[in-house]
Amino acid sequence: MAINIREILFQSTLDKVDAKALLAHLINKHLNWPKSAMISRDTEALPKALLEEWALLEKQRAEGQPVAYLIGKKGFFNIELKVAPGVLIPRPETELLVELTIDHIQSSGKKTPRILDLGTGSGAIGLALAKNLPNAQVTCVDVSAEALQIAQENARLLNLNSVKFLQSNWFDGLTTNLPAEDCVFDVIVSNPPYIPAGDHHLLMGDLRFEPSLALTDDHDGLMAYRAIFKESPPYLAADGFILVEHGFDQSKQVCQLLQEQNYINIKAHQDLAGIWRVASANRAASVKLG
């Protein structure tokens, strides 16, 4: 008996949102049908090859594997990104970092802002900024060669060829790989690993399949902030701005770390769910460089 979209969705035990995402991916891959065909062509018979791949993806998703990894892509802000198990899956809450950065740059009046994305992963933050700020000079850094390869592929797919990529552990490789004039930034933005070692969330949901290097510092969840805040000043312009995402319960601690390193105009920002999600600050004008 011929099997169609309607029957698959009725029979599947997966969450309906997940099932529809997987099936929309397959009908595009095998039949070149648009997403709208999920409704307009839902009674048409589907080919054997598609049904076989559906059975595999359904099983993998039932075992917990992330939908984004199974279909190889994830939407973020207003771009679509290639993702794979070597990179963190972009989250909607991280879009707040992009929004705040765009707002800051537009209000600053800078025509060619210099932006550094630390721990870029798939390139989500840096590439979203480059897409929405065409005159920005964006540099994306990650310690993982695998992540950088995926980020560079995303830049190519998005035709964002001016974005620079560098393999580096935070700031370690900047001065040795870039000209001095390219090592000072108007904005430094980062979504670093912030889940504490042993946190039960690491054993839940998609996090079980994502790279631990992008999730946890294997310590108290604050090690990356200590390093970034301490090392950032020489790389920030005199009026430089820094923004970081943090965990749902880390706002006070992260703001305190900024204060300890003499940053000014420290602010906490809530995401759409009302969770304190981002901390921002300016470099103190009196800081000594070098």
C-alpha atoms as a PDB file:
ATOM      1  CA  MET A   1       0.000   0.000   0.000  1.00  0.00           C
ATOM      2  CA  ALA A   2       1.258   3.455  -0.924  1.00  0.00           C
ATOM      3  CA  ILE A   3       2.312   5.574   2.044  1.00  0.00           C
ATOM      4  CA  ASN A   4       1.947   9.348   2.098  1.00  0.00           C
ATOM      5  CA  ILE A   5       2.823  12.296   4.321  1.00  0.00           C
ATOM      6  CA  ARG A   6      -0.498  12.270   6.140  1.00  0.00           C
ATOM      7  CA  GLU A   7      -0.145   8.600   7.101  1.00  0.00           C
ATOM      8  CA  ILE A   8       3.442   8.985   8.269  1.00  0.00           C
ATOM      9  CA  LEU A   9       2.568  11.868  10.573  1.00  0.00           C
ATOM     10  CA  PHE A  10      -0.461  10.013  11.925  1.00  0.00           C
ATOM     11  CA  GLN A  11       1.517   6.862  12.690  1.00  0.00           C
ATOM     12  CA  SER A  12       4.740   8.381  14.001  1.00  0.00           C
ATOM     13  CA  THR A  13       5.325   8.401  17.750  1.00  0.00           C
ATOM     14  CA  LEU A  14       7.699  11.348  17.485  1.00  0.00           C
ATOM     15  CA  ASP A  15       6.811  14.833  18.651  1.00  0.00           C
ATOM     16  CA  LYS A  16       4.822  16.318  15.771  1.00  0.00           C
ATOM     17  CA  VAL A  17       7.136  19.294  15.379  1.00  0.00           C
ATOM     18  CA  ASP A  18      10.136  16.983  15.085  1.00  0.00           C
ATOM     19  CA  ALA A  19       8.355  14.617  12.705  1.00  0.00           C
ATOM     20  CA  LYS A  20       7.315  17.467  10.425  1.00  0.00           C
ATOM     21  CA  ALA A  21      10.838  18.925  10.393  1.00  0.00           C
ATOM     22  CA  LEU A  22      12.377  15.582   9.451  1.00  0.00           C
ATOM     23  CA  LEU A  23       9.766  14.846   6.808  1.00  0.00           C
ATOM     24  CA  ALA A  24       9.982  18.327   5.276  1.00  0.00           C
ATOM     25  CA  HIS A  25      13.734  17.776   4.957  1.00  0.00           C
ATOM     26  CA  LEU A  26      13.217  14.415   3.230  1.00  0.00           C
ATOM     27  CA  ILE A  27      10.603  15.553   0.715  1.00  0.00           C
ATOM     28  CA  ASN A  28      12.895  18.395  -0.293  1.00  0.00           C
ATOM     29  CA  LYS A  29      15.918  16.105  -0.526  1.00  0.00           C
ATOM     30  CA  HIS A  30      14.245  13.281  -2.460  1.00  0.00           C
ATOM     31  CA  LEU A  31      11.501  15.069  -4.397  1.00  0.00           C
ATOM     32  CA  ASN A  32      12.572  18.715  -4.393  1.00  0.00           C
ATOM     33  CA  TRP A  33       9.213  19.579  -2.867  1.00  0.00           C
ATOM     34  CA  PRO A  34       8.897  22.817  -0.861  1.00  0.00           C
ATOM     35  CA  LYS A  35       7.778  22.805   2.750  1.00  0.00           C
ATOM     36  CA  SER A  36       4.283  23.814   1.648  1.00  0.00           C
ATOM     37  CA  ALA A  37       3.925  20.351   0.080  1.00  0.00           C
ATOM     38  CA  MET A  38       3.561  18.998   3.612  1.00  0.00           C
ATOM     39  CA  ILE A  39      -0.031  20.236   3.266  1.00  0.00           C
ATOM     40  CA  SER A  40      -0.684  20.572  -0.462  1.00  0.00           C
ATOM     41  CA  ARG A  41       0.664  17.132  -1.435  1.00  0.00           C
ATOM     42  CA  ASP A  42       0.131  15.190   1.770  1.00  0.00           C
ATOM     43  CA  THR A  43      -1.862  12.386   0.117  1.00  0.00           C
ATOM     44  CA  GLU A  44       0.600  11.598  -2.683  1.00  0.00           C
ATOM     45  CA  ALA A  45       2.532   8.337  -2.503  1.00  0.00           C
ATOM     46  CA  LEU A  46       6.146   8.655  -1.380  1.00  0.00           C
ATOM     47  CA  PRO A  47       9.057   6.751  -2.964  1.00  0.00           C
ATOM     48  CA  LYS A  48      10.717   3.764  -1.322  1.00  0.00           C
ATOM     49  CA  ALA A  49      14.080   5.500  -0.828  1.00  0.00           C
ATOM     50  CA  LEU A  50      12.427   8.337   1.087  1.00  0.00           C
ATOM     51  CA  LEU A  51      10.476   5.941   3.278  1.00  0.00           C
ATOM     52  CA  GLU A  52      13.611   3.966   4.098  1.00  0.00           C
ATOM     53  CA  GLU A  53      15.469   7.110   5.133  1.00  0.00           C
ATOM     54  CA  TRP A  54      12.448   8.249   7.135  1.00  0.00           C
ATOM     55  CA  ALA A  55      12.499   4.991   9.095  1.00  0.00           C
ATOM     56  CA  LEU A  56      16.175   5.545   9.918  1.00  0.00           C
ATOM     57  CA  LEU A  57      15.753   9.187  10.951  1.00  0.00           C
ATOM     58  CA  GLU A  58      12.661   8.385  12.995  1.00  0.00           C
ATOM     59  CA  LYS A  59      14.620   5.731  14.899  1.00  0.00           C
ATOM     60  CA  GLN A  60      17.593   8.044  15.466  1.00  0.00           C
ATOM     61  CA  ARG A  61      15.362  10.844  16.721  1.00  0.00           C
ATOM     62  CA  ALA A  62      13.517   8.433  19.014  1.00  0.00           C
ATOM     63  CA  GLU A  63      16.938   7.591  20.487  1.00  0.00           C
ATOM     64  CA  GLY A  64      17.442  11.283  21.233  1.00  0.00           C
ATOM     65  CA  GLN A  65      19.664  12.470  18.413  1.00  0.00           C
ATOM     66  CA  PRO A  66      19.043  16.180  17.697  1.00  0.00           C
ATOM     67  CA  VAL A  67      16.853  17.060  14.729  1.00  0.00           C
ATOM     68  CA  ALA A  68      19.395  19.675  13.629  1.00  0.00           C
ATOM     69  CA  TYR A  69      22.126  17.052  13.335  1.00  0.00           C
ATOM     70  CA  LEU A  70      19.832  14.631  11.514  1.00  0.00           C
ATOM     71  CA  ILE A  71      18.876  17.156   8.845  1.00  0.00           C
ATOM     72  CA  GLY A  72      22.245  18.937   8.924  1.00  0.00           C
ATOM     73  CA  LYS A  73      20.983  22.481   9.335  1.00  0.00           C
ATOM     74  CA  LYS A  74      19.473  24.961  11.771  1.00  0.00           C
ATOM     75  CA  GLY A  75      17.884  28.371  11.366  1.00  0.00           C
ATOM     76  CA  PHE A  76      19.326  31.215  13.433  1.00  0.00           C
ATOM     77  CA  PHE A  77      18.315  34.867  13.377  1.00  0.00           C
ATOM     78  CA  ASN A  78      17.605  35.332   9.642  1.00  0.00           C
ATOM     79  CA  ILE A  79      20.130  32.836   8.254  1.00  0.00           C
ATOM     80  CA  GLU A  80      20.304  29.058   7.823  1.00  0.00           C
ATOM     81  CA  LEU A  81      23.409  27.275   9.065  1.00  0.00           C
ATOM     82  CA  LYS A  82      24.960  23.926   8.349  1.00  0.00           C
ATOM     83  CA  VAL A  83      25.440  22.046  11.618  1.00  0.00           C
ATOM     84  CA  ALA A  84      27.059  18.733  12.539  1.00  0.00           C
ATOM     85  CA  PRO A  85      28.033  16.943  15.760  1.00  0.00           C
ATOM     86  CA  GLY A  86      31.283  18.949  15.902  1.00  0.00           C
ATOM     87  CA  VAL A  87      29.465  22.207  16.698  1.00  0.00           C
ATOM     88  CA  LEU A  88      26.918  23.474  19.190  1.00  0.00           C
ATOM     89  CA  ILE A  89      23.394  23.731  17.806  1.00  0.00           C
ATOM     90  CA  PRO A  90      22.421  27.443  17.683  1.00  0.00           C
ATOM     91  CA  ARG A  91      19.671  28.343  20.174  1.00  0.00           C
ATOM     92  CA  PRO A  92      16.945  30.985  19.798  1.00  0.00           C
ATOM     93  CA  GLU A  93      18.005  32.638  23.070  1.00  0.00           C
ATOM     94  CA  THR A  94      21.450  33.334  21.602  1.00  0.00           C
ATOM     95  CA  GLU A  95      19.810  35.639  19.070  1.00  0.00           C
ATOM     96  CA  LEU A  96      19.705  38.187  21.901  1.00  0.00           C
ATOM     97  CA  LEU A  97      23.480  38.564  21.566  1.00  0.00           C
ATOM     98  CA  VAL A  98      23.069  39.426  17.901  1.00  0.00           C
ATOM     99  CA  GLU A  99      20.222  41.871  18.550  1.00  0.00           C
ATOM    100  CA  LEU A 100      22.117  43.701  21.299  1.00  0.00           C
ATOM    101  CA  THR A 101      25.262  43.914  19.191  1.00  0.00           C
ATOM    102  CA  ILE A 102      23.374  45.329  16.214  1.00  0.00           C
ATOM    103  CA  ASP A 103      21.587  47.854  18.440  1.00  0.00           C
ATOM    104  CA  HIS A 104      24.873  48.953  20.003  1.00  0.00           C
ATOM    105  CA  ILE A 105      26.657  49.378  16.686  1.00  0.00           C
ATOM    106  CA  GLN A 106      23.780  51.248  15.071  1.00  0.00           C
ATOM    107  CA  SER A 107      23.525  53.623  18.025  1.00  0.00           C
ATOM    108  CA  SER A 108      27.301  54.152  18.077  1.00  0.00           C
ATOM    109  CA  GLY A 109      27.300  55.419  14.511  1.00  0.00           C
ATOM    110  CA  LYS A 110      30.369  53.378  13.556  1.00  0.00           C
ATOM    111  CA  LYS A 111      30.469  52.883   9.793  1.00  0.00           C
ATOM    112  CA  THR A 112      32.870  49.918   9.665  1.00  0.00           C
ATOM    113  CA  PRO A 113      32.691  48.293  13.100  1.00  0.00           C
ATOM    114  CA  ARG A 114      35.289  45.674  13.976  1.00  0.00           C
ATOM    115  CA  ILE A 115      33.725  42.629  15.638  1.00  0.00           C
ATOM    116  CA  LEU A 116      35.344  39.585  17.235  1.00  0.00           C
ATOM    117  CA  ASP A 117      33.256  36.442  17.791  1.00  0.00           C
ATOM    118  CA  LEU A 118      35.042  34.258  20.354  1.00  0.00           C
ATOM    119  CA  GLY A 119      34.192  30.549  20.243  1.00  0.00           C
ATOM    120  CA  THR A 120      32.262  30.876  17.003  1.00  0.00           C
ATOM    121  CA  GLY A 121      31.236  27.213  16.601  1.00  0.00           C
ATOM    122  CA  SER A 122      29.053  27.008  13.484  1.00  0.00           C
ATOM    123  CA  GLY A 123      29.620  30.732  12.957  1.00  0.00           C
ATOM    124  CA  ALA A 124      26.078  31.567  14.060  1.00  0.00           C
ATOM    125  CA  ILE A 125      26.763  34.828  15.894  1.00  0.00           C
ATOM    126  CA  GLY A 126      29.528  36.190  13.690  1.00  0.00           C
ATOM    127  CA  LEU A 127      27.802  35.327  10.427  1.00  0.00           C
ATOM    128  CA  ALA A 128      24.435  36.699  11.558  1.00  0.00           C
ATOM    129  CA  LEU A 129      26.205  39.946  12.422  1.00  0.00           C
ATOM    130  CA  ALA A 130      28.043  40.019   9.098  1.00  0.00           C
ATOM    131  CA  LYS A 131      24.772  39.411   7.255  1.00  0.00           C
ATOM    132  CA  ASN A 132      22.960  42.226   9.045  1.00  0.00           C
ATOM    133  CA  LEU A 133      25.889  44.656   9.213  1.00  0.00           C
ATOM    134  CA  PRO A 134      27.358  44.500   5.686  1.00  0.00           C
ATOM    135  CA  ASN A 135      30.099  47.027   6.456  1.00  0.00           C
ATOM    136  CA  ALA A 136      31.289  45.259   9.590  1.00  0.00           C
ATOM    137  CA  GLN A 137      34.719  43.640   9.733  1.00  0.00           C
ATOM    138  CA  VAL A 138      34.012  40.320  11.443  1.00  0.00           C
ATOM    139  CA  THR A 139      36.627  37.917  12.796  1.00  0.00           C
ATOM    140  CA  CYS A 140      35.526  34.500  14.077  1.00  0.00           C
ATOM    141  CA  VAL A 141      37.727  32.461  16.403  1.00  0.00           C
ATOM    142  CA  ASP A 142      37.444  28.894  17.667  1.00  0.00           C
ATOM    143  CA  VAL A 143      39.853  26.397  19.203  1.00  0.00           C
ATOM    144  CA  SER A 144      38.239  23.547  17.246  1.00  0.00           C
ATOM    145  CA  ALA A 145      39.451  22.950  13.692  1.00  0.00           C
ATOM    146  CA  GLU A 146      36.282  20.955  12.991  1.00  0.00           C
ATOM    147  CA  ALA A 147      34.071  23.830  14.110  1.00  0.00           C
ATOM    148  CA  LEU A 148      36.016  26.324  12.008  1.00  0.00           C
ATOM    149  CA  GLN A 149      35.649  24.136   8.942  1.00  0.00           C
ATOM    150  CA  ILE A 150      31.869  24.142   9.379  1.00  0.00           C
ATOM    151  CA  ALA A 151      31.806  27.893  10.083  1.00  0.00           C
ATOM    152  CA  GLN A 152      33.831  28.606   6.950  1.00  0.00           C
ATOM    153  CA  GLU A 153      31.479  26.439   4.903  1.00  0.00           C
ATOM    154  CA  ASN A 154      28.554  28.432   6.286  1.00  0.00           C
ATOM    155  CA  ALA A 155      30.253  31.687   5.330  1.00  0.00           C
ATOM    156  CA  ARG A 156      30.706  30.371   1.796  1.00  0.00           C
ATOM    157  CA  LEU A 157      27.077  29.232   1.556  1.00  0.00           C
ATOM    158  CA  LEU A 158      25.910  32.643   2.795  1.00  0.00           C
ATOM    159  CA  ASN A 159      28.306  34.488   0.466  1.00  0.00           C
ATOM    160  CA  LEU A 160      29.947  36.231   3.412  1.00  0.00           C
ATOM    161  CA  ASN A 161      33.433  35.995   2.005  1.00  0.00           C
ATOM    162  CA  SER A 162      34.929  38.935   3.907  1.00  0.00           C
ATOM    163  CA  VAL A 163      34.589  37.236   7.312  1.00  0.00           C
ATOM    164  CA  LYS A 164      37.930  36.131   8.755  1.00  0.00           C
ATOM    165  CA  PHE A 165      38.421  32.822  10.564  1.00  0.00           C
ATOM    166  CA  LEU A 166      41.188  31.890  12.945  1.00  0.00           C
ATOM    167  CA  GLN A 167      41.940  28.816  15.030  1.00  0.00           C
ATOM    168  CA  SER A 168      42.825  30.070  18.492  1.00  0.00           C
ATOM    169  CA  ASN A 169      42.167  29.398  22.155  1.00  0.00           C
ATOM    170  CA  TRP A 170      40.411  32.689  22.878  1.00  0.00           C
ATOM    171  CA  PHE A 171      43.011  35.403  22.156  1.00  0.00           C
ATOM    172  CA  ASP A 172      46.131  33.225  22.004  1.00  0.00           C
ATOM    173  CA  GLY A 173      46.531  33.205  18.232  1.00  0.00           C
ATOM    174  CA  LEU A 174      45.406  36.707  17.330  1.00  0.00           C
ATOM    175  CA  THR A 175      48.623  38.700  17.457  1.00  0.00           C
ATOM    176  CA  THR A 176      50.672  35.928  15.843  1.00  0.00           C
ATOM    177  CA  ASN A 177      48.271  35.439  12.934  1.00  0.00           C
ATOM    178  CA  LEU A 178      46.812  38.885  12.291  1.00  0.00           C
ATOM    179  CA  PRO A 179      48.349  42.319  11.636  1.00  0.00           C
ATOM    180  CA  ALA A 180      48.377  44.535  14.730  1.00  0.00           C
ATOM    181  CA  GLU A 181      45.726  46.845  13.268  1.00  0.00           C
ATOM    182  CA  ASP A 182      43.370  43.870  12.881  1.00  0.00           C
ATOM    183  CA  CYS A 183      43.673  42.892  16.552  1.00  0.00           C
ATOM    184  CA  VAL A 184      41.688  45.788  18.018  1.00  0.00           C
ATOM    185  CA  PHE A 185      37.908  45.486  18.023  1.00  0.00           C
ATOM    186  CA  ASP A 186      34.939  47.727  18.692  1.00  0.00           C
ATOM    187  CA  VAL A 187      32.896  44.751  19.912  1.00  0.00           C
ATOM    188  CA  ILE A 188      33.830  41.382  21.374  1.00  0.00           C
ATOM    189  CA  VAL A 189      30.956  38.919  21.572  1.00  0.00           C
ATOM    190  CA  SER A 190      30.934  35.368  22.893  1.00  0.00           C
ATOM    191  CA  ASN A 191      28.722  32.455  23.861  1.00  0.00           C
ATOM    192  CA  PRO A 192      31.344  30.429  25.753  1.00  0.00           C
ATOM    193  CA  PRO A 193      30.954  27.060  27.521  1.00  0.00           C
ATOM    194  CA  TYR A 194      29.211  27.868  30.798  1.00  0.00           C
ATOM    195  CA  ILE A 195      27.620  24.687  32.143  1.00  0.00           C
ATOM    196  CA  PRO A 196      29.380  23.554  35.351  1.00  0.00           C
ATOM    197  CA  ALA A 197      30.966  20.117  35.489  1.00  0.00           C
ATOM    198  CA  GLY A 198      28.533  17.479  36.696  1.00  0.00           C
ATOM    199  CA  ASP A 199      25.437  19.553  35.934  1.00  0.00           C
ATOM    200  CA  HIS A 200      22.505  17.231  35.235  1.00  0.00           C
ATOM    201  CA  HIS A 201      21.567  19.190  32.108  1.00  0.00           C
ATOM    202  CA  LEU A 202      24.600  17.656  30.370  1.00  0.00           C
ATOM    203  CA  LEU A 203      22.799  14.304  30.495  1.00  0.00           C
ATOM    204  CA  MET A 204      19.551  15.635  29.040  1.00  0.00           C
ATOM    205  CA  GLY A 205      18.114  16.213  25.566  1.00  0.00           C
ATOM    206  CA  ASP A 206      20.289  17.472  22.733  1.00  0.00           C
ATOM    207  CA  LEU A 207      23.171  18.265  25.086  1.00  0.00           C
ATOM    208  CA  ARG A 208      24.003  14.555  25.298  1.00  0.00           C
ATOM    209  CA  PHE A 209      25.067  14.650  21.650  1.00  0.00           C
ATOM    210  CA  GLU A 210      26.741  18.069  21.419  1.00  0.00           C
ATOM    211  CA  PRO A 211      30.502  18.612  21.841  1.00  0.00           C
ATOM    212  CA  SER A 212      31.337  18.927  25.539  1.00  0.00           C
ATOM    213  CA  LEU A 213      34.040  21.476  24.685  1.00  0.00           C
ATOM    214  CA  ALA A 214      31.282  23.883  23.630  1.00  0.00           C
ATOM    215  CA  LEU A 215      29.105  23.191  26.670  1.00  0.00           C
ATOM    216  CA  THR A 216      31.198  22.939  29.820  1.00  0.00           C
ATOM    217  CA  ASP A 217      34.516  24.160  31.187  1.00  0.00           C
ATOM    218  CA  ASP A 218      34.751  21.012  33.338  1.00  0.00           C
ATOM    219  CA  HIS A 219      34.887  23.344  36.338  1.00  0.00           C
ATOM    220  CA  ASP A 220      32.448  25.865  37.812  1.00  0.00           C
ATOM    221  CA  GLY A 221      31.055  27.213  34.531  1.00  0.00           C
ATOM    222  CA  LEU A 222      32.842  30.554  34.906  1.00  0.00           C
ATOM    223  CA  MET A 223      36.365  29.778  33.699  1.00  0.00           C
ATOM    224  CA  ALA A 224      35.776  31.137  30.189  1.00  0.00           C
ATOM    225  CA  TYR A 225      34.470  34.448  31.559  1.00  0.00           C
ATOM    226  CA  ARG A 226      37.495  34.856  33.809  1.00  0.00           C
ATOM    227  CA  ALA A 227      39.821  34.331  30.860  1.00  0.00           C
ATOM    228  CA  ILE A 228      37.881  36.486  28.396  1.00  0.00           C
ATOM    229  CA  PHE A 229      37.356  39.422  30.757  1.00  0.00           C
ATOM    230  CA  LYS A 230      40.974  39.405  31.905  1.00  0.00           C
ATOM    231  CA  GLU A 231      42.452  39.132  28.417  1.00  0.00           C
ATOM    232  CA  SER A 232      40.020  41.323  26.431  1.00  0.00           C
ATOM    233  CA  PRO A 233      41.196  44.889  27.253  1.00  0.00           C
ATOM    234  CA  PRO A 234      44.233  44.967  24.908  1.00  0.00           C
ATOM    235  CA  TYR A 235      41.986  43.847  22.087  1.00  0.00           C
ATOM    236  CA  LEU A 236      39.179  46.326  22.743  1.00  0.00           C
ATOM    237  CA  ALA A 237      39.097  49.844  21.330  1.00  0.00           C
ATOM    238  CA  ALA A 238      39.035  52.699  23.853  1.00  0.00           C
ATOM    239  CA  ASP A 239      35.234  52.686  23.804  1.00  0.00           C
ATOM    240  CA  GLY A 240      35.057  48.953  23.167  1.00  0.00           C
ATOM    241  CA  PHE A 241      31.973  46.930  24.049  1.00  0.00           C
ATOM    242  CA  ILE A 242      31.835  43.327  25.257  1.00  0.00           C
ATOM    243  CA  LEU A 243      28.802  41.033  25.386  1.00  0.00           C
ATOM    244  CA  VAL A 244      28.567  37.448  26.611  1.00  0.00           C
ATOM    245  CA  GLU A 245      25.808  34.901  26.963  1.00  0.00           C
ATOM    246  CA  HIS A 246      25.644  33.017  30.266  1.00  0.00           C
ATOM    247  CA  GLY A 247      23.556  30.443  32.101  1.00  0.00           C
ATOM    248  CA  PHE A 248      20.124  31.131  33.578  1.00  0.00           C
ATOM    249  CA  ASP A 249      21.542  31.475  37.108  1.00  0.00           C
ATOM    250  CA  GLN A 250      24.901  33.136  36.376  1.00  0.00           C
ATOM    251  CA  SER A 251      23.988  36.784  35.779  1.00  0.00           C
ATOM    252  CA  LYS A 252      25.181  38.143  39.131  1.00  0.00           C
ATOM    253  CA  GLN A 253      28.410  36.146  39.026  1.00  0.00           C
ATOM    254  CA  VAL A 254      29.263  37.184  35.472  1.00  0.00           C
ATOM    255  CA  CYS A 255      28.525  40.856  36.184  1.00  0.00           C
ATOM    256  CA  GLN A 256      30.684  40.609  39.305  1.00  0.00           C
ATOM    257  CA  LEU A 257      33.564  39.218  37.242  1.00  0.00           C
ATOM    258  CA  LEU A 258      33.244  42.172  34.856  1.00  0.00           C
ATOM    259  CA  GLN A 259      33.354  44.556  37.801  1.00  0.00           C
ATOM    260  CA  GLU A 260      36.447  42.858  39.217  1.00  0.00           C
ATOM    261  CA  GLN A 261      38.235  43.478  35.911  1.00  0.00           C
ATOM    262  CA  ASN A 262      37.267  47.175  36.003  1.00  0.00           C
ATOM    263  CA  TYR A 263      34.773  47.213  33.152  1.00  0.00           C
ATOM    264  CA  ILE A 264      32.218  50.020  33.210  1.00  0.00           C
ATOM    265  CA  ASN A 265      28.558  50.432  32.195  1.00  0.00           C
ATOM    266  CA  ILE A 266      27.884  46.833  33.200  1.00  0.00           C
ATOM    267  CA  LYS A 267      24.373  45.724  32.262  1.00  0.00           C
ATOM    268  CA  ALA A 268      22.315  42.538  32.480  1.00  0.00           C
ATOM    269  CA  HIS A 269      19.828  41.673  29.742  1.00  0.00           C
ATOM    270  CA  GLN A 270      16.800  39.378  29.739  1.00  0.00           C
ATOM    271  CA  ASP A 271      15.782  37.086  26.902  1.00  0.00           C
ATOM    272  CA  LEU A 272      12.213  36.717  25.621  1.00  0.00           C
ATOM    273  CA  ALA A 273      11.456  34.229  28.392  1.00  0.00           C
ATOM    274  CA  GLY A 274      12.422  36.803  31.027  1.00  0.00           C
ATOM    275  CA  ILE A 275      15.652  34.968  31.901  1.00  0.00           C
ATOM    276  CA  TRP A 276      18.792  36.998  32.554  1.00  0.00           C
ATOM    277  CA  ARG A 277      20.807  35.741  29.585  1.00  0.00           C
ATOM    278  CA  VAL A 278      23.431  38.315  28.525  1.00  0.00           C
ATOM    279  CA  ALA A 279      25.898  40.605  30.281  1.00  0.00           C
ATOM    280  CA  SER A 280      27.460  43.606  28.549  1.00  0.00           C
ATOM    281  CA  ALA A 281      29.998  46.258  29.474  1.00  0.00           C
ATOM    282  CA  ASN A 282      32.474  48.792  28.147  1.00  0.00           C
ATOM    283  CA  ARG A 283      36.204  48.762  28.507  1.00  0.00           C
ATOM    284  CA  ALA A 284      37.376  51.270  31.087  1.00  0.00           C
ATOM    285  CA  ALA A 285      39.039  54.220  29.386  1.00  0.00           C
ATOM    286  CA  SER A 286      41.891  54.163  31.902  1.00  0.00           C
ATOM    287  CA  VAL A 287      42.899  50.560  31.262  1.00  0.00           C
ATOM    288  CA  LYS A 288      46.531  49.986  30.373  1.00  0.00           C
ATOM    289  CA  LEU A 289      47.171  48.098  27.171  1.00  0.00           C
ATOM    290  CA  GLY A 290      49.816  45.459  26.660  1.00  0.00           C
END
